[in-house]
Each structure stands twice: as structure tokens, then as C-alpha cells.
Amino acid sequence: MIDRYKNLPLFEWTPACRLITFPPGKQVGIIRQVAAKWLGHRSSRQADAYAIQVDDEIQERFSLLGILPLERKRLSEEFWNAVRAEITKQRPSSRPGGSAA
């Protein structure tokens, strides 16, 4: 009687594996570095080219990890929102009370 229960599909089922990555929007060191380099470019064209290069690297890393396209997009947007916030903080004109403060 026990033998008939050994071949149930339930015993062969394994849950799907899901990769959980560290949120790129929380990688403060990388965010600060990207923001500083972006601000260091002399022209907006150079800064935009740098942003494209960084985004391509991020997308490639996510692809190698096997992250689905929708999740890649969400994680990328989270990262770039954090970079934009850091750029605002690092700009000299963004200090409360002006640059003389």
C-alpha cells in the first residue's frame, strides 16, 4: 500500500527557482560614483553617452543573472531614480541657502 504513494507527482515537484538580487537602488557607493562621473563630464552629450554605457552594463549584468525583462526594467528604473536624486544632492547649486552656505 505504501508503494502506490511513492510515485505521486507531488513528491517529484520542485518549486521554481527565483533569483533575488540586491536592489540596485540601494547600492549607495555605485550610485554616488555614477552621479559624480556624470556631473564630471563637460557636455551633456558626454554625460548622456556615459549614462547609456552604464545602463548597457547594468542590463547585461541582469541578463547574465537570468532576470526577466520586466524585472530588469523595474530594477533599472529604481537605480536611475536613485542616481538622479544623488545628482541633485551633489550639484553645487542644490545646497539649501545657496552655494555660500
C-alpha atoms as a PDB file:
ATOM      1  CA  MET A   1       0.000   0.000   0.000  1.00  0.00           C
ATOM      2  CA  ILE A   2       2.862   2.397   0.720  1.00  0.00           C
ATOM      3  CA  ASP A   3       4.401   1.683  -2.714  1.00  0.00           C
ATOM      4  CA  ARG A   4       1.439   3.145  -4.531  1.00  0.00           C
ATOM      5  CA  TYR A   5       2.015   6.560  -2.870  1.00  0.00           C
ATOM      6  CA  LYS A   6       5.715   6.755  -3.795  1.00  0.00           C
ATOM      7  CA  ASN A   7       5.010   7.746  -7.403  1.00  0.00           C
ATOM      8  CA  LEU A   8       2.698  10.661  -6.729  1.00  0.00           C
ATOM      9  CA  PRO A   9       3.630  13.774  -8.770  1.00  0.00           C
ATOM     10  CA  LEU A  10       3.673  15.809  -5.572  1.00  0.00           C
ATOM     11  CA  PHE A  11       6.843  14.071  -4.423  1.00  0.00           C
ATOM     12  CA  GLU A  12       8.635  14.922  -7.675  1.00  0.00           C
ATOM     13  CA  TRP A  13       7.546  18.560  -7.748  1.00  0.00           C
ATOM     14  CA  THR A  14      10.166  21.177  -7.050  1.00  0.00           C
ATOM     15  CA  PRO A  15       9.298  24.857  -6.712  1.00  0.00           C
ATOM     16  CA  ALA A  16      10.593  27.242  -9.356  1.00  0.00           C
ATOM     17  CA  CYS A  17      13.892  28.877  -8.519  1.00  0.00           C
ATOM     18  CA  ARG A  18      13.799  32.660  -8.256  1.00  0.00           C
ATOM     19  CA  LEU A  19      16.901  34.801  -8.096  1.00  0.00           C
ATOM     20  CA  ILE A  20      16.706  37.675  -5.640  1.00  0.00           C
ATOM     21  CA  THR A  21      19.249  40.395  -6.379  1.00  0.00           C
ATOM     22  CA  PHE A  22      20.418  43.154  -4.082  1.00  0.00           C
ATOM     23  CA  PRO A  23      18.355  46.182  -5.152  1.00  0.00           C
ATOM     24  CA  PRO A  24      20.485  48.422  -7.380  1.00  0.00           C
ATOM     25  CA  GLY A  25      18.679  51.457  -5.965  1.00  0.00           C
ATOM     26  CA  LYS A  26      20.266  50.676  -2.594  1.00  0.00           C
ATOM     27  CA  GLN A  27      23.850  50.374  -3.862  1.00  0.00           C
ATOM     28  CA  VAL A  28      24.873  53.742  -2.485  1.00  0.00           C
ATOM     29  CA  GLY A  29      28.550  53.549  -3.426  1.00  0.00           C
ATOM     30  CA  ILE A  30      27.849  52.781  -7.080  1.00  0.00           C
ATOM     31  CA  ILE A  31      25.088  55.396  -7.215  1.00  0.00           C
ATOM     32  CA  ARG A  32      27.398  58.101  -5.843  1.00  0.00           C
ATOM     33  CA  GLN A  33      30.174  57.090  -8.232  1.00  0.00           C
ATOM     34  CA  VAL A  34      27.892  57.185 -11.294  1.00  0.00           C
ATOM     35  CA  ALA A  35      26.434  60.551 -10.228  1.00  0.00           C
ATOM     36  CA  ALA A  36      29.894  62.061  -9.673  1.00  0.00           C
ATOM     37  CA  LYS A  37      31.193  60.826 -13.030  1.00  0.00           C
ATOM     38  CA  TRP A  38      28.037  62.036 -14.776  1.00  0.00           C
ATOM     39  CA  LEU A  39      28.467  65.501 -13.250  1.00  0.00           C
ATOM     40  CA  GLY A  40      32.168  65.491 -14.179  1.00  0.00           C
ATOM     41  CA  HIS A  41      31.511  65.384 -17.915  1.00  0.00           C
ATOM     42  CA  ARG A  42      31.967  68.696 -19.727  1.00  0.00           C
ATOM     43  CA  SER A  43      28.978  68.384 -22.025  1.00  0.00           C
ATOM     44  CA  SER A  44      25.528  66.892 -21.768  1.00  0.00           C
ATOM     45  CA  ARG A  45      26.360  64.769 -24.809  1.00  0.00           C
ATOM     46  CA  GLN A  46      29.272  63.139 -22.964  1.00  0.00           C
ATOM     47  CA  ALA A  47      27.129  62.682 -19.859  1.00  0.00           C
ATOM     48  CA  ASP A  48      24.366  61.039 -21.889  1.00  0.00           C
ATOM     49  CA  ALA A  49      26.873  58.710 -23.577  1.00  0.00           C
ATOM     50  CA  TYR A  50      28.194  57.742 -20.135  1.00  0.00           C
ATOM     51  CA  ALA A  51      24.647  57.064 -18.898  1.00  0.00           C
ATOM     52  CA  ILE A  52      23.973  54.821 -21.906  1.00  0.00           C
ATOM     53  CA  GLN A  53      27.213  52.929 -21.254  1.00  0.00           C
ATOM     54  CA  VAL A  54      26.304  52.382 -17.591  1.00  0.00           C
ATOM     55  CA  ASP A  55      22.773  51.296 -18.480  1.00  0.00           C
ATOM     56  CA  ASP A  56      24.095  48.815 -21.058  1.00  0.00           C
ATOM     57  CA  GLU A  57      26.393  47.319 -18.401  1.00  0.00           C
ATOM     58  CA  ILE A  58      23.527  47.055 -15.919  1.00  0.00           C
ATOM     59  CA  GLN A  59      21.258  45.395 -18.483  1.00  0.00           C
ATOM     60  CA  GLU A  60      23.996  42.936 -19.463  1.00  0.00           C
ATOM     61  CA  ARG A  61      24.599  42.011 -15.817  1.00  0.00           C
ATOM     62  CA  PHE A  62      20.866  41.441 -15.256  1.00  0.00           C
ATOM     63  CA  SER A  63      20.664  39.362 -18.424  1.00  0.00           C
ATOM     64  CA  LEU A  64      23.566  37.161 -17.330  1.00  0.00           C
ATOM     65  CA  LEU A  65      21.821  36.624 -13.997  1.00  0.00           C
ATOM     66  CA  GLY A  66      18.708  35.464 -15.836  1.00  0.00           C
ATOM     67  CA  ILE A  67      16.444  38.253 -14.631  1.00  0.00           C
ATOM     68  CA  LEU A  68      13.276  38.619 -16.694  1.00  0.00           C
ATOM     69  CA  PRO A  69      12.914  41.741 -18.893  1.00  0.00           C
ATOM     70  CA  LEU A  70      10.106  43.321 -16.843  1.00  0.00           C
ATOM     71  CA  GLU A  71      12.085  42.897 -13.634  1.00  0.00           C
ATOM     72  CA  ARG A  72      15.197  44.276 -15.387  1.00  0.00           C
ATOM     73  CA  LYS A  73      13.273  47.380 -16.375  1.00  0.00           C
ATOM     74  CA  ARG A  74      11.949  47.899 -12.846  1.00  0.00           C
ATOM     75  CA  LEU A  75      15.390  47.460 -11.268  1.00  0.00           C
ATOM     76  CA  SER A  76      16.979  49.763 -13.845  1.00  0.00           C
ATOM     77  CA  GLU A  77      14.396  52.486 -13.202  1.00  0.00           C
ATOM     78  CA  GLU A  78      14.967  52.144  -9.466  1.00  0.00           C
ATOM     79  CA  PHE A  79      18.717  52.590  -9.992  1.00  0.00           C
ATOM     80  CA  TRP A  80      18.376  55.636 -12.258  1.00  0.00           C
ATOM     81  CA  ASN A  81      15.888  57.296  -9.899  1.00  0.00           C
ATOM     82  CA  ALA A  82      18.456  56.935  -7.119  1.00  0.00           C
ATOM     83  CA  VAL A  83      21.208  58.306  -9.407  1.00  0.00           C
ATOM     84  CA  ARG A  84      19.058  61.338 -10.303  1.00  0.00           C
ATOM     85  CA  ALA A  85      18.433  62.017  -6.613  1.00  0.00           C
ATOM     86  CA  GLU A  86      22.175  61.777  -5.922  1.00  0.00           C
ATOM     87  CA  ILE A  87      22.976  64.122  -8.826  1.00  0.00           C
ATOM     88  CA  THR A  88      20.605  66.653  -7.292  1.00  0.00           C
ATOM     89  CA  LYS A  89      22.408  66.312  -3.947  1.00  0.00           C
ATOM     90  CA  GLN A  90      25.887  66.618  -5.488  1.00  0.00           C
ATOM     91  CA  ARG A  91      25.169  69.658  -7.661  1.00  0.00           C
ATOM     92  CA  PRO A  92      26.712  72.758  -6.089  1.00  0.00           C
ATOM     93  CA  SER A  93      23.545  74.773  -6.703  1.00  0.00           C
ATOM     94  CA  SER A  94      21.369  72.278  -4.806  1.00  0.00           C
ATOM     95  CA  ARG A  95      22.515  73.324  -1.340  1.00  0.00           C
ATOM     96  CA  PRO A  96      19.895  74.958   0.857  1.00  0.00           C
ATOM     97  CA  GLY A  97      20.723  78.627   1.245  1.00  0.00           C
ATOM     98  CA  GLY A  98      22.847  78.703  -1.920  1.00  0.00           C
ATOM     99  CA  SER A  99      26.445  77.799  -2.645  1.00  0.00           C
ATOM    100  CA  ALA A 100      27.861  80.107   0.001  1.00  0.00           C
ATOM    101  CA  ALA A 101      26.409  78.012   2.820  1.00  0.00           C
END
